[in-house]
PDB file of N, CA and C in Angstrom:
ATOM      1  N   MET A   1      -0.441 -20.189   7.705  1.00  0.00           N
ATOM      2  CA  MET A   1      -1.332 -20.607   6.539  1.00  0.00           C
ATOM      3  C   MET A   1      -2.557 -19.836   6.500  1.00  0.00           C
ATOM      4  N   GLY A   2      -2.703 -19.770   4.963  1.00  0.00           N
ATOM      5  CA  GLY A   2      -3.934 -19.027   4.384  1.00  0.00           C
ATOM      6  C   GLY A   2      -5.403 -19.623   4.853  1.00  0.00           C
ATOM      7  N   THR A   3      -6.445 -18.916   4.445  1.00  0.00           N
ATOM      8  CA  THR A   3      -7.641 -19.346   4.841  1.00  0.00           C
ATOM      9  C   THR A   3      -8.167 -19.729   3.328  1.00  0.00           C
ATOM     10  N   GLY A   4      -7.763 -19.562   2.554  1.00  0.00           N
ATOM     11  CA  GLY A   4      -8.134 -18.935   1.158  1.00  0.00           C
ATOM     12  C   GLY A   4      -9.120 -17.885   0.928  1.00  0.00           C
ATOM     13  N   ARG A   5      -9.056 -16.972   1.930  1.00  0.00           N
ATOM     14  CA  ARG A   5      -9.869 -15.940   1.991  1.00  0.00           C
ATOM     15  C   ARG A   5      -8.742 -14.913   1.201  1.00  0.00           C
ATOM     16  N   GLN A   6      -9.591 -13.768   0.314  1.00  0.00           N
ATOM     17  CA  GLN A   6      -9.153 -12.866   0.040  1.00  0.00           C
ATOM     18  C   GLN A   6      -9.954 -11.240   0.120  1.00  0.00           C
ATOM     19  N   ASN A   7      -9.040 -10.187  -0.074  1.00  0.00           N
ATOM     20  CA  ASN A   7      -9.408  -9.040   0.045  1.00  0.00           C
ATOM     21  C   ASN A   7      -9.970  -8.641   1.222  1.00  0.00           C
ATOM     22  N   GLY A   8     -10.025  -9.172   2.293  1.00  0.00           N
ATOM     23  CA  GLY A   8     -10.318  -8.819   3.993  1.00  0.00           C
ATOM     24  C   GLY A   8     -11.621  -8.843   3.781  1.00  0.00           C
ATOM     25  N   ILE A   9     -12.712  -9.082   2.824  1.00  0.00           N
ATOM     26  CA  ILE A   9     -13.997  -9.487   3.222  1.00  0.00           C
ATOM     27  C   ILE A   9     -14.650 -10.638   3.258  1.00  0.00           C
ATOM     28  N   GLY A  10     -13.515 -11.763   3.429  1.00  0.00           N
ATOM     29  CA  GLY A  10     -14.005 -12.886   3.778  1.00  0.00           C
ATOM     30  C   GLY A  10     -14.560 -13.866   2.652  1.00  0.00           C
ATOM     31  N   ALA A  11     -14.177 -13.674   1.024  1.00  0.00           N
ATOM     32  CA  ALA A  11     -14.879 -14.085  -0.194  1.00  0.00           C
ATOM     33  C   ALA A  11     -13.471 -15.064  -0.780  1.00  0.00           C
ATOM     34  N   THR A  12     -13.879 -16.131  -0.911  1.00  0.00           N
ATOM     35  CA  THR A  12     -13.036 -16.769  -1.518  1.00  0.00           C
ATOM     36  C   THR A  12     -12.789 -16.382  -3.390  1.00  0.00           C
ATOM     37  N   PRO A  13     -12.012 -16.704  -4.117  1.00  0.00           N
ATOM     38  CA  PRO A  13     -11.861 -16.531  -5.581  1.00  0.00           C
ATOM     39  C   PRO A  13     -13.052 -17.026  -6.216  1.00  0.00           C
ATOM     40  N   GLY A  14     -13.698 -18.188  -5.533  1.00  0.00           N
ATOM     41  CA  GLY A  14     -14.568 -18.443  -6.293  1.00  0.00           C
ATOM     42  C   GLY A  14     -15.771 -17.877  -5.976  1.00  0.00           C
ATOM     43  N   GLU A  15     -15.862 -17.666  -4.387  1.00  0.00           N
ATOM     44  CA  GLU A  15     -17.219 -16.602  -4.240  1.00  0.00           C
ATOM     45  C   GLU A  15     -17.471 -15.570  -5.077  1.00  0.00           C
ATOM     46  N   VAL A  16     -15.997 -14.944  -5.243  1.00  0.00           N
ATOM     47  CA  VAL A  16     -15.969 -13.441  -5.737  1.00  0.00           C
ATOM     48  C   VAL A  16     -16.687 -13.735  -7.287  1.00  0.00           C
ATOM     49  N   GLY A  17     -16.111 -14.714  -8.066  1.00  0.00           N
ATOM     50  CA  GLY A  17     -16.234 -15.290  -9.710  1.00  0.00           C
ATOM     51  C   GLY A  17     -17.795 -15.123  -9.367  1.00  0.00           C
ATOM     52  N   ALA A  18     -18.390 -15.837  -8.613  1.00  0.00           N
ATOM     53  CA  ALA A  18     -19.932 -16.068  -8.695  1.00  0.00           C
ATOM     54  C   ALA A  18     -20.296 -14.267  -8.465  1.00  0.00           C
ATOM     55  N   VAL A  19     -20.312 -13.673  -7.703  1.00  0.00           N
ATOM     56  CA  VAL A  19     -20.817 -12.161  -7.376  1.00  0.00           C
ATOM     57  C   VAL A  19     -20.435 -11.489  -8.997  1.00  0.00           C
ATOM     58  N   LYS A  20     -19.429 -11.526  -9.142  1.00  0.00           N
ATOM     59  CA  LYS A  20     -19.219 -11.300 -10.624  1.00  0.00           C
ATOM     60  C   LYS A  20     -19.755 -11.520 -11.487  1.00  0.00           C
ATOM     61  N   ALA A  21     -20.203 -12.818 -11.593  1.00  0.00           N
ATOM     62  CA  ALA A  21     -21.228 -13.503 -12.431  1.00  0.00           C
ATOM     63  C   ALA A  21     -22.320 -13.075 -12.539  1.00  0.00           C
ATOM     64  N   ASP A  22     -23.036 -12.813 -11.300  1.00  0.00           N
ATOM     65  CA  ASP A  22     -24.517 -12.380 -10.895  1.00  0.00           C
ATOM     66  C   ASP A  22     -24.523 -10.451 -11.420  1.00  0.00           C
ATOM     67  N   LEU A  23     -23.234 -10.228 -11.001  1.00  0.00           N
ATOM     68  CA  LEU A  23     -23.372  -8.510 -11.381  1.00  0.00           C
ATOM     69  C   LEU A  23     -23.408  -8.314 -12.489  1.00  0.00           C
ATOM     70  N   ALA A  24     -22.204  -9.293 -13.522  1.00  0.00           N
ATOM     71  CA  ALA A  24     -22.510  -9.011 -15.048  1.00  0.00           C
ATOM     72  C   ALA A  24     -23.814  -9.519 -15.563  1.00  0.00           C
ATOM     73  N   ARG A  25     -24.549 -10.384 -15.027  1.00  0.00           N
ATOM     74  CA  ARG A  25     -26.208 -11.032 -15.507  1.00  0.00           C
ATOM     75  C   ARG A  25     -26.821  -9.787 -15.041  1.00  0.00           C
ATOM     76  N   ARG A  26     -26.671  -8.953 -14.060  1.00  0.00           N
ATOM     77  CA  ARG A  26     -27.525  -7.952 -13.827  1.00  0.00           C
ATOM     78  C   ARG A  26     -27.368  -6.668 -14.501  1.00  0.00           C
ATOM     79  N   VAL A  27     -26.256  -6.440 -14.769  1.00  0.00           N
ATOM     80  CA  VAL A  27     -25.989  -4.712 -15.647  1.00  0.00           C
ATOM     81  C   VAL A  27     -26.518  -5.267 -17.013  1.00  0.00           C
ATOM     82  N   ALA A  28     -26.191  -6.920 -17.787  1.00  0.00           N
ATOM     83  CA  ALA A  28     -27.097  -6.886 -18.691  1.00  0.00           C
ATOM     84  C   ALA A  28     -28.399  -7.034 -18.809  1.00  0.00           C
ATOM     85  N   ALA A  29     -29.230  -7.305 -17.479  1.00  0.00           N
ATOM     86  CA  ALA A  29     -30.535  -7.581 -17.943  1.00  0.00           C
ATOM     87  C   ALA A  29     -30.875  -5.899 -17.623  1.00  0.00           C
ATOM     88  N   ILE A  30     -30.431  -4.811 -17.382  1.00  0.00           N
ATOM     89  CA  ILE A  30     -30.978  -3.530 -16.814  1.00  0.00           C
ATOM     90  C   ILE A  30     -31.774  -2.847 -18.443  1.00  0.00           C
ATOM     91  N   GLU A  31     -32.793  -2.832 -18.265  1.00  0.00           N
ATOM     92  CA  GLU A  31     -33.490  -2.073 -19.478  1.00  0.00           C
ATOM     93  C   GLU A  31     -34.040  -0.792 -19.153  1.00  0.00           C
ATOM     94  N   TRP A  32     -33.618   0.074 -20.170  1.00  0.00           N
ATOM     95  CA  TRP A  32     -33.849   1.403 -19.865  1.00  0.00           C
ATOM     96  C   TRP A  32     -35.506   1.820 -20.074  1.00  0.00           C
ATOM     97  N   ARG A  33     -35.980   0.699 -20.722  1.00  0.00           N
ATOM     98  CA  ARG A  33     -37.447   1.525 -20.743  1.00  0.00           C
ATOM     99  C   ARG A  33     -38.583   1.481 -19.535  1.00  0.00           C
ATOM    100  N   GLY A  34     -37.769   0.785 -18.334  1.00  0.00           N
ATOM    101  CA  GLY A  34     -38.186   1.096 -17.056  1.00  0.00           C
ATOM    102  C   GLY A  34     -38.444   2.427 -16.382  1.00  0.00           C
ATOM    103  N   GLY A  35     -37.607   2.981 -17.470  1.00  0.00           N
ATOM    104  CA  GLY A  35     -37.332   4.424 -16.660  1.00  0.00           C
ATOM    105  C   GLY A  35     -36.328   4.734 -15.873  1.00  0.00           C
ATOM    106  N   PRO A  36     -35.972   6.170 -15.187  1.00  0.00           N
ATOM    107  CA  PRO A  36     -34.764   6.408 -14.689  1.00  0.00           C
ATOM    108  C   PRO A  36     -34.776   5.911 -13.069  1.00  0.00           C
ATOM    109  N   ALA A  37     -36.080   5.920 -12.834  1.00  0.00           N
ATOM    110  CA  ALA A  37     -36.382   5.317 -11.282  1.00  0.00           C
ATOM    111  C   ALA A  37     -36.006   4.047 -11.370  1.00  0.00           C
ATOM    112  N   LYS A  38     -36.794   3.551 -12.459  1.00  0.00           N
ATOM    113  CA  LYS A  38     -36.043   1.758 -12.012  1.00  0.00           C
ATOM    114  C   LYS A  38     -34.758   1.414 -12.162  1.00  0.00           C
ATOM    115  N   LEU A  39     -33.918   2.438 -13.200  1.00  0.00           N
ATOM    116  CA  LEU A  39     -32.846   1.832 -13.327  1.00  0.00           C
ATOM    117  C   LEU A  39     -31.605   2.422 -12.272  1.00  0.00           C
ATOM    118  N   ALA A  40     -32.248   3.455 -11.635  1.00  0.00           N
ATOM    119  CA  ALA A  40     -31.645   3.894 -10.251  1.00  0.00           C
ATOM    120  C   ALA A  40     -31.572   3.135  -9.317  1.00  0.00           C
ATOM    121  N   ASN A  41     -32.654   2.178  -9.200  1.00  0.00           N
ATOM    122  CA  ASN A  41     -32.896   1.171  -8.324  1.00  0.00           C
ATOM    123  C   ASN A  41     -31.929  -0.124  -8.470  1.00  0.00           C
ATOM    124  N   GLU A  42     -32.148  -0.413  -9.727  1.00  0.00           N
ATOM    125  CA  GLU A  42     -31.163  -1.673  -9.833  1.00  0.00           C
ATOM    126  C   GLU A  42     -29.827  -0.975  -9.731  1.00  0.00           C
ATOM    127  N   LEU A  43     -29.499   0.037 -10.618  1.00  0.00           N
ATOM    128  CA  LEU A  43     -28.045   0.469 -10.444  1.00  0.00           C
ATOM    129  C   LEU A  43     -27.287   0.505  -8.648  1.00  0.00           C
ATOM    130  N   ASP A  44     -28.384   0.895  -7.878  1.00  0.00           N
ATOM    131  CA  ASP A  44     -27.914   0.950  -6.229  1.00  0.00           C
ATOM    132  C   ASP A  44     -27.970  -0.237  -5.936  1.00  0.00           C
ATOM    133  N   GLN A  45     -28.527  -1.420  -6.052  1.00  0.00           N
ATOM    134  CA  GLN A  45     -28.469  -2.714  -6.019  1.00  0.00           C
ATOM    135  C   GLN A  45     -27.213  -3.243  -6.538  1.00  0.00           C
ATOM    136  N   ILE A  46     -26.310  -2.973  -7.431  1.00  0.00           N
ATOM    137  CA  ILE A  46     -25.425  -3.326  -8.291  1.00  0.00           C
ATOM    138  C   ILE A  46     -24.216  -2.754  -7.391  1.00  0.00           C
ATOM    139  N   ARG A  47     -24.256  -1.604  -6.849  1.00  0.00           N
ATOM    140  CA  ARG A  47     -23.458  -0.898  -6.056  1.00  0.00           C
ATOM    141  C   ARG A  47     -23.359  -1.319  -5.055  1.00  0.00           C
ATOM    142  N   ARG A  48     -24.270  -1.518  -4.230  1.00  0.00           N
ATOM    143  CA  ARG A  48     -24.012  -2.224  -2.997  1.00  0.00           C
ATOM    144  C   ARG A  48     -23.563  -3.399  -2.923  1.00  0.00           C
ATOM    145  N   MET A  49     -24.121  -4.322  -3.836  1.00  0.00           N
ATOM    146  CA  MET A  49     -23.200  -5.790  -4.050  1.00  0.00           C
ATOM    147  C   MET A  49     -21.463  -5.801  -4.420  1.00  0.00           C
ATOM    148  N   ALA A  50     -21.336  -4.615  -4.963  1.00  0.00           N
ATOM    149  CA  ALA A  50     -19.867  -4.444  -5.851  1.00  0.00           C
ATOM    150  C   ALA A  50     -19.120  -3.653  -4.046  1.00  0.00           C
ATOM    151  N   ARG A  51     -19.413  -3.024  -3.651  1.00  0.00           N
ATOM    152  CA  ARG A  51     -19.091  -2.536  -2.249  1.00  0.00           C
ATOM    153  C   ARG A  51     -18.737  -3.516  -1.140  1.00  0.00           C
ATOM    154  N   ALA A  52     -19.935  -4.260  -0.953  1.00  0.00           N
ATOM    155  CA  ALA A  52     -19.698  -5.474  -0.067  1.00  0.00           C
ATOM    156  C   ALA A  52     -18.861  -6.369  -0.697  1.00  0.00           C
ATOM    157  N   HIS A  53     -18.548  -6.471  -1.492  1.00  0.00           N
ATOM    158  CA  HIS A  53     -17.762  -7.705  -1.916  1.00  0.00           C
ATOM    159  C   HIS A  53     -16.036  -7.041  -2.619  1.00  0.00           C
ATOM    160  N   GLY A  54     -15.933  -5.855  -2.521  1.00  0.00           N
ATOM    161  CA  GLY A  54     -14.538  -5.263  -2.724  1.00  0.00           C
ATOM    162  C   GLY A  54     -14.349  -5.051  -4.254  1.00  0.00           C
ATOM    163  N   LEU A  55     -15.583  -5.134  -5.032  1.00  0.00           N
ATOM    164  CA  LEU A  55     -15.414  -4.918  -6.580  1.00  0.00           C
ATOM    165  C   LEU A  55     -15.178  -3.323  -7.143  1.00  0.00           C
ATOM    166  N   LEU A  56     -13.822  -2.832  -7.036  1.00  0.00           N
ATOM    167  CA  LEU A  56     -13.749  -1.380  -6.699  1.00  0.00           C
ATOM    168  C   LEU A  56     -13.972  -1.068  -8.006  1.00  0.00           C
ATOM    169  N   PRO A  57     -13.663  -1.456  -9.276  1.00  0.00           N
ATOM    170  CA  PRO A  57     -13.753  -0.701 -10.538  1.00  0.00           C
ATOM    171  C   PRO A  57     -15.436  -0.473 -10.715  1.00  0.00           C
ATOM    172  N   ALA A  58     -16.094  -1.577 -10.648  1.00  0.00           N
ATOM    173  CA  ALA A  58     -17.611  -1.467 -10.506  1.00  0.00           C
ATOM    174  C   ALA A  58     -18.117  -0.607  -9.333  1.00  0.00           C
ATOM    175  N   LEU A  59     -17.705  -0.478  -8.694  1.00  0.00           N
ATOM    176  CA  LEU A  59     -18.099   0.447  -7.415  1.00  0.00           C
ATOM    177  C   LEU A  59     -18.137   2.004  -8.049  1.00  0.00           C
ATOM    178  N   VAL A  60     -16.740   2.035  -8.292  1.00  0.00           N
ATOM    179  CA  VAL A  60     -16.683   3.414  -8.857  1.00  0.00           C
ATOM    180  C   VAL A  60     -17.253   4.126 -10.045  1.00  0.00           C
ATOM    181  N   VAL A  61     -17.786   2.987 -11.104  1.00  0.00           N
ATOM    182  CA  VAL A  61     -18.587   3.028 -12.668  1.00  0.00           C
ATOM    183  C   VAL A  61     -19.910   3.336 -12.039  1.00  0.00           C
ATOM    184  N   ALA A  62     -20.459   2.680 -10.724  1.00  0.00           N
ATOM    185  CA  ALA A  62     -21.707   2.615 -10.455  1.00  0.00           C
ATOM    186  C   ALA A  62     -22.059   3.800 -10.114  1.00  0.00           C
ATOM    187  N   GLN A  63     -21.086   4.205  -9.082  1.00  0.00           N
ATOM    188  CA  GLN A  63     -21.170   5.772  -8.618  1.00  0.00           C
ATOM    189  C   GLN A  63     -21.316   6.775  -9.518  1.00  0.00           C
ATOM    190  N   GLN A  64     -20.342   6.627 -10.203  1.00  0.00           N
ATOM    191  CA  GLN A  64     -20.421   8.115 -11.759  1.00  0.00           C
ATOM    192  C   GLN A  64     -21.656   7.880 -12.424  1.00  0.00           C
ATOM    193  N   LEU A  65     -22.067   6.467 -12.804  1.00  0.00           N
ATOM    194  CA  LEU A  65     -23.361   6.627 -13.312  1.00  0.00           C
ATOM    195  C   LEU A  65     -24.688   7.108 -12.883  1.00  0.00           C
ATOM    196  N   GLU A  66     -24.448   6.888 -11.453  1.00  0.00           N
ATOM    197  CA  GLU A  66     -25.582   7.694 -10.649  1.00  0.00           C
ATOM    198  C   GLU A  66     -25.568   8.989 -10.461  1.00  0.00           C
ATOM    199  N   ARG A  67     -24.401   9.725 -10.846  1.00  0.00           N
ATOM    200  CA  ARG A  67     -24.162  11.074 -10.657  1.00  0.00           C
ATOM    201  C   ARG A  67     -24.661  11.470 -12.160  1.00  0.00           C
ATOM    202  N   ALA A  68     -24.546  10.667 -13.302  1.00  0.00           N
ATOM    203  CA  ALA A  68     -25.076  11.006 -14.530  1.00  0.00           C
ATOM    204  C   ALA A  68     -26.305  10.748 -14.713  1.00  0.00           C
ATOM    205  N   LEU A  69     -26.661  10.354 -13.908  1.00  0.00           N
ATOM    206  CA  LEU A  69     -28.354  10.094 -13.885  1.00  0.00           C
ATOM    207  C   LEU A  69     -29.120  11.073 -13.220  1.00  0.00           C
ATOM    208  N   ALA A  70     -28.802  11.382 -12.257  1.00  0.00           N
ATOM    209  CA  ALA A  70     -28.796  12.596 -11.431  1.00  0.00           C
ATOM    210  C   ALA A  70     -28.871  13.886 -12.237  1.00  0.00           C
ATOM    211  N   ARG A  71     -27.441  14.245 -13.203  1.00  0.00           N
ATOM    212  CA  ARG A  71     -27.644  15.130 -13.555  1.00  0.00           C
ATOM    213  C   ARG A  71     -28.429  15.221 -14.829  1.00  0.00           C
ATOM    214  N   GLY A  72     -29.013  14.068 -14.933  1.00  0.00           N
ATOM    215  CA  GLY A  72     -30.159  14.207 -16.557  1.00  0.00           C
ATOM    216  C   GLY A  72     -29.581  13.507 -17.739  1.00  0.00           C
ATOM    217  N   ASP A  73     -28.440  13.016 -17.364  1.00  0.00           N
ATOM    218  CA  ASP A  73     -28.001  12.011 -18.727  1.00  0.00           C
ATOM    219  C   ASP A  73     -29.174  10.907 -18.962  1.00  0.00           C
ATOM    220  N   HIS A  74     -29.298  11.071 -20.128  1.00  0.00           N
ATOM    221  CA  HIS A  74     -30.530   9.843 -20.709  1.00  0.00           C
ATOM    222  C   HIS A  74     -30.041   9.120 -22.038  1.00  0.00           C
ATOM    223  N   GLY A  75     -30.821   8.271 -22.593  1.00  0.00           N
ATOM    224  CA  GLY A  75     -30.985   7.680 -24.059  1.00  0.00           C
ATOM    225  C   GLY A  75     -29.270   6.908 -24.454  1.00  0.00           C
ATOM    226  N   PRO A  76     -28.827   7.426 -25.346  1.00  0.00           N
ATOM    227  CA  PRO A  76     -27.513   6.487 -25.693  1.00  0.00           C
ATOM    228  C   PRO A  76     -26.286   6.375 -24.807  1.00  0.00           C
ATOM    229  N   ILE A  77     -26.149   7.742 -24.080  1.00  0.00           N
ATOM    230  CA  ILE A  77     -24.992   7.441 -23.460  1.00  0.00           C
ATOM    231  C   ILE A  77     -25.072   6.698 -21.901  1.00  0.00           C
ATOM    232  N   VAL A  78     -26.348   6.635 -21.667  1.00  0.00           N
ATOM    233  CA  VAL A  78     -26.678   5.599 -20.705  1.00  0.00           C
ATOM    234  C   VAL A  78     -26.286   4.408 -20.920  1.00  0.00           C
ATOM    235  N   HIS A  79     -26.574   3.665 -22.306  1.00  0.00           N
ATOM    236  CA  HIS A  79     -26.039   2.430 -22.606  1.00  0.00           C
ATOM    237  C   HIS A  79     -24.553   2.709 -22.409  1.00  0.00           C
ATOM    238  N   ALA A  80     -23.870   3.535 -23.097  1.00  0.00           N
ATOM    239  CA  ALA A  80     -22.551   3.424 -23.101  1.00  0.00           C
ATOM    240  C   ALA A  80     -21.927   3.455 -21.248  1.00  0.00           C
ATOM    241  N   TRP A  81     -22.527   3.795 -20.661  1.00  0.00           N
ATOM    242  CA  TRP A  81     -22.125   3.810 -19.285  1.00  0.00           C
ATOM    243  C   TRP A  81     -22.153   2.359 -18.404  1.00  0.00           C
ATOM    244  N   LEU A  82     -23.593   1.648 -18.901  1.00  0.00           N
ATOM    245  CA  LEU A  82     -23.746   0.945 -18.740  1.00  0.00           C
ATOM    246  C   LEU A  82     -23.004  -0.226 -19.173  1.00  0.00           C
ATOM    247  N   ALA A  83     -22.443  -0.182 -20.609  1.00  0.00           N
ATOM    248  CA  ALA A  83     -21.003  -1.033 -21.172  1.00  0.00           C
ATOM    249  C   ALA A  83     -19.828  -0.821 -20.335  1.00  0.00           C
ATOM    250  N   MET A  84     -19.649   0.537 -19.798  1.00  0.00           N
ATOM    251  CA  MET A  84     -18.382   0.728 -18.911  1.00  0.00           C
ATOM    252  C   MET A  84     -18.677  -0.167 -17.686  1.00  0.00           C
ATOM    253  N   LEU A  85     -19.851   0.086 -17.033  1.00  0.00           N
ATOM    254  CA  LEU A  85     -19.717  -0.548 -15.807  1.00  0.00           C
ATOM    255  C   LEU A  85     -19.650  -2.260 -15.847  1.00  0.00           C
ATOM    256  N   GLY A  86     -20.178  -2.905 -17.381  1.00  0.00           N
ATOM    257  CA  GLY A  86     -19.762  -4.547 -17.654  1.00  0.00           C
ATOM    258  C   GLY A  86     -18.428  -4.561 -17.549  1.00  0.00           C
ATOM    259  N   GLU A  87     -17.597  -3.753 -17.945  1.00  0.00           N
ATOM    260  CA  GLU A  87     -16.212  -4.158 -18.404  1.00  0.00           C
ATOM    261  C   GLU A  87     -15.851  -3.987 -16.614  1.00  0.00           C
ATOM    262  N   ALA A  88     -16.359  -3.053 -15.990  1.00  0.00           N
ATOM    263  CA  ALA A  88     -15.417  -2.540 -14.795  1.00  0.00           C
ATOM    264  C   ALA A  88     -15.998  -4.146 -13.570  1.00  0.00           C
ATOM    265  N   VAL A  89     -17.317  -4.401 -14.081  1.00  0.00           N
ATOM    266  CA  VAL A  89     -17.723  -5.481 -13.288  1.00  0.00           C
ATOM    267  C   VAL A  89     -16.757  -6.929 -13.530  1.00  0.00           C
ATOM    268  N   LEU A  90     -16.460  -7.241 -14.708  1.00  0.00           N
ATOM    269  CA  LEU A  90     -15.285  -8.235 -15.176  1.00  0.00           C
ATOM    270  C   LEU A  90     -14.028  -8.017 -15.211  1.00  0.00           C
ATOM    271  N   CYS A  91     -13.600  -6.928 -14.943  1.00  0.00           N
ATOM    272  CA  CYS A  91     -12.164  -6.730 -14.697  1.00  0.00           C
ATOM    273  C   CYS A  91     -11.044  -7.671 -13.876  1.00  0.00           C
ATOM    274  N   GLU A  92     -10.567  -8.027 -14.349  1.00  0.00           N
ATOM    275  CA  GLU A  92      -9.768  -8.915 -13.495  1.00  0.00           C
ATOM    276  C   GLU A  92      -9.053  -8.393 -12.246  1.00  0.00           C
ATOM    277  N   ARG A  93      -8.793  -7.676 -12.323  1.00  0.00           N
ATOM    278  CA  ARG A  93      -8.093  -6.441 -11.119  1.00  0.00           C
ATOM    279  C   ARG A  93      -9.074  -5.638 -10.439  1.00  0.00           C
ATOM    280  N   GLN A  94      -9.439  -5.773  -9.096  1.00  0.00           N
ATOM    281  CA  GLN A  94     -10.306  -5.239  -7.954  1.00  0.00           C
ATOM    282  C   GLN A  94      -9.539  -4.225  -7.469  1.00  0.00           C
ATOM    283  N   ASP A  95      -8.344  -3.730  -7.584  1.00  0.00           N
ATOM    284  CA  ASP A  95      -7.560  -3.387  -6.565  1.00  0.00           C
ATOM    285  C   ASP A  95      -8.108  -1.478  -6.924  1.00  0.00           C
ATOM    286  N   ALA A  96      -7.127  -0.602  -6.059  1.00  0.00           N
ATOM    287  CA  ALA A  96      -7.275   0.663  -6.186  1.00  0.00           C
ATOM    288  C   ALA A  96      -6.637   1.364  -7.449  1.00  0.00           C
ATOM    289  N   ALA A  97      -5.781   0.879  -7.861  1.00  0.00           N
ATOM    290  CA  ALA A  97      -5.325   1.390  -9.117  1.00  0.00           C
ATOM    291  C   ALA A  97      -6.097   0.959 -10.094  1.00  0.00           C
ATOM    292  N   ALA A  98      -6.853  -0.271 -10.332  1.00  0.00           N
ATOM    293  CA  ALA A  98      -7.754  -0.797 -11.505  1.00  0.00           C
ATOM    294  C   ALA A  98      -8.772   0.318 -11.032  1.00  0.00           C
ATOM    295  N   SER A  99      -9.581   0.783  -9.867  1.00  0.00           N
ATOM    296  CA  SER A  99     -10.476   1.702  -9.578  1.00  0.00           C
ATOM    297  C   SER A  99     -10.109   3.044 -10.315  1.00  0.00           C
ATOM    298  N   ASP A 100      -9.107   3.554 -10.245  1.00  0.00           N
ATOM    299  CA  ASP A 100      -8.601   5.090 -10.591  1.00  0.00           C
ATOM    300  C   ASP A 100      -8.698   4.872 -11.967  1.00  0.00           C
ATOM    301  N   THR A 101      -7.907   3.746 -12.798  1.00  0.00           N
ATOM    302  CA  THR A 101      -8.069   3.510 -13.978  1.00  0.00           C
ATOM    303  C   THR A 101      -9.421   3.728 -14.602  1.00  0.00           C
ATOM    304  N   PHE A 102     -10.570   3.337 -14.428  1.00  0.00           N
ATOM    305  CA  PHE A 102     -11.999   3.114 -14.896  1.00  0.00           C
ATOM    306  C   PHE A 102     -12.628   4.508 -14.339  1.00  0.00           C
ATOM    307  N   ALA A 103     -11.983   5.156 -13.122  1.00  0.00           N
ATOM    308  CA  ALA A 103     -12.572   6.535 -12.943  1.00  0.00           C
ATOM    309  C   ALA A 103     -12.042   7.685 -13.942  1.00  0.00           C
ATOM    310  N   ALA A 104     -11.104   7.382 -14.248  1.00  0.00           N
ATOM    311  CA  ALA A 104     -10.508   7.960 -15.080  1.00  0.00           C
ATOM    312  C   ALA A 104     -10.940   7.901 -16.963  1.00  0.00           C
ATOM    313  N   ALA A 105     -11.349   7.003 -16.767  1.00  0.00           N
ATOM    314  CA  ALA A 105     -11.639   6.626 -18.543  1.00  0.00           C
ATOM    315  C   ALA A 105     -12.996   7.105 -18.498  1.00  0.00           C
ATOM    316  N   CYS A 106     -13.842   7.141 -17.274  1.00  0.00           N
ATOM    317  CA  CYS A 106     -15.124   7.552 -17.256  1.00  0.00           C
ATOM    318  C   CYS A 106     -15.313   8.708 -17.509  1.00  0.00           C
ATOM    319  N   GLN A 107     -13.921   9.549 -16.711  1.00  0.00           N
ATOM    320  CA  GLN A 107     -14.178  11.287 -16.994  1.00  0.00           C
ATOM    321  C   GLN A 107     -13.674  11.516 -18.136  1.00  0.00           C
ATOM    322  N   VAL A 108     -12.925  10.530 -19.148  1.00  0.00           N
ATOM    323  CA  VAL A 108     -12.348  10.728 -20.465  1.00  0.00           C
ATOM    324  C   VAL A 108     -14.020  10.755 -21.414  1.00  0.00           C
ATOM    325  N   ARG A 109     -14.494   9.643 -21.287  1.00  0.00           N
ATOM    326  CA  ARG A 109     -15.512   9.337 -22.157  1.00  0.00           C
ATOM    327  C   ARG A 109     -16.571   9.743 -21.815  1.00  0.00           C
ATOM    328  N   PHE A 110     -16.982   9.984 -20.564  1.00  0.00           N
ATOM    329  CA  PHE A 110     -18.349  10.863 -20.535  1.00  0.00           C
ATOM    330  C   PHE A 110     -17.947  12.509 -19.746  1.00  0.00           C
ATOM    331  N   ALA A 111     -17.128  13.117 -20.220  1.00  0.00           N
ATOM    332  CA  ALA A 111     -17.089  14.393 -19.627  1.00  0.00           C
ATOM    333  C   ALA A 111     -18.326  14.921 -20.388  1.00  0.00           C
ATOM    334  N   GLY A 112     -18.618  15.664 -19.483  1.00  0.00           N
ATOM    335  CA  GLY A 112     -20.029  16.780 -19.611  1.00  0.00           C
ATOM    336  C   GLY A 112     -20.227  17.700 -19.142  1.00  0.00           C
TER     337      GLY A 112
END
């Protein structure tokens, strides 16, 4: 008999849904005008939540966005990264294959 838990992280589908909704809200609320330091802090929180709840596509996009910020990406490209992060958060599949797909999409869209 199952316990209703998934991903080996002890979260029910409803709990994961609530986390995804919270992360989507956080991504949508990010404002670039706070500058790179504020964005990096907000992104770190999103990345940590994604990792803690097994949201692999969101984790990989957040990590790649952190790298983009570290190399100096700014302006409209950051908004494109945030859009990709929003898509990753809401992705139905949260497995390694989906994560690999998002990683590849990041490489294609944001190669630089």
